[in-house]
């Protein structure tokens, strides 16, 4: 049975272009699911409530999980294979300290 996941079908820029990245990051269902997954992951990491932690978000996409981390007072570094997804984050974020 062949995988239906886009990353198994071809290079990321084919499936995660600017249009697809925009649709993904504006989909309210995806935003809701990603927020809940992020909250659960943070809970499982058992990050302290009273201090800010630095978290590496591998596969950060357009920064949906990072927004949850930021709201909870944590700092984060995001990496993603899709330049279109990172571009969405960079164009929408006011809190970028360093980008390379």
C-alpha atoms as a PDB file:
ATOM      1  CA  UNK A   1       0.000   0.000   0.000  1.00  0.00           C
ATOM      2  CA  UNK A   2       1.518   3.312  -1.079  1.00  0.00           C
ATOM      3  CA  UNK A   3       1.832   6.147   1.394  1.00  0.00           C
ATOM      4  CA  UNK A   4      -0.416   9.157   0.847  1.00  0.00           C
ATOM      5  CA  UNK A   5       1.866  11.469   2.786  1.00  0.00           C
ATOM      6  CA  UNK A   6       3.193  14.190   0.476  1.00  0.00           C
ATOM      7  CA  UNK A   7       6.756  13.911   1.749  1.00  0.00           C
ATOM      8  CA  UNK A   8       6.825  10.321   0.486  1.00  0.00           C
ATOM      9  CA  UNK A   9       5.678  11.327  -3.000  1.00  0.00           C
ATOM     10  CA  UNK A  10       8.294  13.894  -3.986  1.00  0.00           C
ATOM     11  CA  UNK A  11      10.382  16.906  -2.975  1.00  0.00           C
ATOM     12  CA  UNK A  12       8.857  19.247  -0.371  1.00  0.00           C
ATOM     13  CA  UNK A  13       8.636  22.235  -2.706  1.00  0.00           C
ATOM     14  CA  UNK A  14       6.136  20.370  -4.896  1.00  0.00           C
ATOM     15  CA  UNK A  15       3.644  19.904  -2.049  1.00  0.00           C
ATOM     16  CA  UNK A  16       4.581  22.693   0.314  1.00  0.00           C
ATOM     17  CA  UNK A  17       4.722  25.619  -2.093  1.00  0.00           C
ATOM     18  CA  UNK A  18       3.500  29.091  -1.146  1.00  0.00           C
ATOM     19  CA  UNK A  19      -0.139  28.380  -2.006  1.00  0.00           C
ATOM     20  CA  UNK A  20      -0.271  25.082  -0.086  1.00  0.00           C
ATOM     21  CA  UNK A  21       1.596  26.603   2.855  1.00  0.00           C
ATOM     22  CA  UNK A  22      -0.922  29.458   2.993  1.00  0.00           C
ATOM     23  CA  UNK A  23      -3.891  27.052   2.857  1.00  0.00           C
ATOM     24  CA  UNK A  24      -2.356  24.886   5.595  1.00  0.00           C
ATOM     25  CA  UNK A  25      -1.682  27.765   7.950  1.00  0.00           C
ATOM     26  CA  UNK A  26      -5.169  29.281   7.475  1.00  0.00           C
ATOM     27  CA  UNK A  27      -7.106  26.037   7.955  1.00  0.00           C
ATOM     28  CA  UNK A  28      -8.954  26.401  11.275  1.00  0.00           C
ATOM     29  CA  UNK A  29      -9.117  22.630  11.827  1.00  0.00           C
ATOM     30  CA  UNK A  30      -5.355  22.290  11.365  1.00  0.00           C
ATOM     31  CA  UNK A  31      -4.732  25.255  13.662  1.00  0.00           C
ATOM     32  CA  UNK A  32      -6.955  23.698  16.352  1.00  0.00           C
ATOM     33  CA  UNK A  33      -5.343  20.258  16.076  1.00  0.00           C
ATOM     34  CA  UNK A  34      -1.813  21.693  15.989  1.00  0.00           C
ATOM     35  CA  UNK A  35      -2.516  23.835  19.054  1.00  0.00           C
ATOM     36  CA  UNK A  36      -3.828  20.836  21.014  1.00  0.00           C
ATOM     37  CA  UNK A  37      -0.864  18.688  19.923  1.00  0.00           C
ATOM     38  CA  UNK A  38       1.541  21.436  20.939  1.00  0.00           C
ATOM     39  CA  UNK A  39      -0.066  21.854  24.344  1.00  0.00           C
ATOM     40  CA  UNK A  40       0.118  18.099  24.917  1.00  0.00           C
ATOM     41  CA  UNK A  41       3.759  17.931  23.801  1.00  0.00           C
ATOM     42  CA  UNK A  42       4.644  20.762  26.177  1.00  0.00           C
ATOM     43  CA  UNK A  43       2.844  18.936  28.972  1.00  0.00           C
ATOM     44  CA  UNK A  44       4.798  15.746  28.213  1.00  0.00           C
ATOM     45  CA  UNK A  45       8.069  17.690  28.178  1.00  0.00           C
ATOM     46  CA  UNK A  46       7.223  18.777  31.725  1.00  0.00           C
ATOM     47  CA  UNK A  47       8.629  22.255  31.155  1.00  0.00           C
ATOM     48  CA  UNK A  48       8.737  24.365  34.314  1.00  0.00           C
ATOM     49  CA  UNK A  49       5.983  26.972  34.614  1.00  0.00           C
ATOM     50  CA  UNK A  50       8.123  29.459  36.490  1.00  0.00           C
ATOM     51  CA  UNK A  51      10.984  29.810  33.999  1.00  0.00           C
ATOM     52  CA  UNK A  52      11.448  30.263  30.283  1.00  0.00           C
ATOM     53  CA  UNK A  53      12.942  27.340  28.383  1.00  0.00           C
ATOM     54  CA  UNK A  54      14.599  27.202  24.980  1.00  0.00           C
ATOM     55  CA  UNK A  55      12.922  24.603  22.737  1.00  0.00           C
ATOM     56  CA  UNK A  56      13.995  23.302  19.321  1.00  0.00           C
ATOM     57  CA  UNK A  57      10.961  22.823  17.059  1.00  0.00           C
ATOM     58  CA  UNK A  58      12.010  20.534  14.212  1.00  0.00           C
ATOM     59  CA  UNK A  59       9.407  20.722  11.482  1.00  0.00           C
ATOM     60  CA  UNK A  60       8.062  24.051  12.752  1.00  0.00           C
ATOM     61  CA  UNK A  61       6.203  24.836   9.535  1.00  0.00           C
ATOM     62  CA  UNK A  62       4.582  28.247   9.738  1.00  0.00           C
ATOM     63  CA  UNK A  63       5.180  28.489  13.484  1.00  0.00           C
ATOM     64  CA  UNK A  64       1.855  27.275  14.901  1.00  0.00           C
ATOM     65  CA  UNK A  65       3.542  25.282  17.682  1.00  0.00           C
ATOM     66  CA  UNK A  66       5.983  28.085  18.311  1.00  0.00           C
ATOM     67  CA  UNK A  67       3.099  30.456  18.952  1.00  0.00           C
ATOM     68  CA  UNK A  68       1.920  28.169  21.753  1.00  0.00           C
ATOM     69  CA  UNK A  69       5.445  28.042  23.187  1.00  0.00           C
ATOM     70  CA  UNK A  70       5.723  31.836  23.029  1.00  0.00           C
ATOM     71  CA  UNK A  71       2.335  32.323  24.702  1.00  0.00           C
ATOM     72  CA  UNK A  72       3.577  30.161  27.577  1.00  0.00           C
ATOM     73  CA  UNK A  73       6.704  32.298  27.937  1.00  0.00           C
ATOM     74  CA  UNK A  74       9.189  29.967  26.276  1.00  0.00           C
ATOM     75  CA  UNK A  75      11.668  30.776  23.544  1.00  0.00           C
ATOM     76  CA  UNK A  76      12.100  28.520  20.566  1.00  0.00           C
ATOM     77  CA  UNK A  77      14.160  27.877  17.479  1.00  0.00           C
ATOM     78  CA  UNK A  78      12.333  26.509  14.454  1.00  0.00           C
ATOM     79  CA  UNK A  79      13.592  24.416  11.548  1.00  0.00           C
ATOM     80  CA  UNK A  80      11.608  23.253   8.545  1.00  0.00           C
ATOM     81  CA  UNK A  81      12.332  21.682   5.172  1.00  0.00           C
ATOM     82  CA  UNK A  82       9.778  23.919   3.452  1.00  0.00           C
ATOM     83  CA  UNK A  83      10.991  27.410   2.663  1.00  0.00           C
ATOM     84  CA  UNK A  84       7.381  28.388   1.860  1.00  0.00           C
ATOM     85  CA  UNK A  85       6.221  27.432   5.366  1.00  0.00           C
ATOM     86  CA  UNK A  86       9.125  29.277   6.963  1.00  0.00           C
ATOM     87  CA  UNK A  87       8.378  32.252   4.736  1.00  0.00           C
ATOM     88  CA  UNK A  88       4.838  32.441   6.099  1.00  0.00           C
ATOM     89  CA  UNK A  89       6.186  32.532   9.621  1.00  0.00           C
ATOM     90  CA  UNK A  90       8.795  35.148   8.805  1.00  0.00           C
ATOM     91  CA  UNK A  91       6.251  37.380   7.082  1.00  0.00           C
ATOM     92  CA  UNK A  92       3.768  37.157   9.949  1.00  0.00           C
ATOM     93  CA  UNK A  93       6.013  37.255  12.993  1.00  0.00           C
ATOM     94  CA  UNK A  94       6.912  40.375  14.930  1.00  0.00           C
ATOM     95  CA  UNK A  95       9.089  38.523  17.432  1.00  0.00           C
ATOM     96  CA  UNK A  96      11.981  37.252  15.336  1.00  0.00           C
ATOM     97  CA  UNK A  97      15.274  37.803  17.053  1.00  0.00           C
ATOM     98  CA  UNK A  98      17.565  36.148  14.543  1.00  0.00           C
ATOM     99  CA  UNK A  99      17.031  34.498  11.191  1.00  0.00           C
ATOM    100  CA  UNK A 100      19.640  32.853   8.981  1.00  0.00           C
END
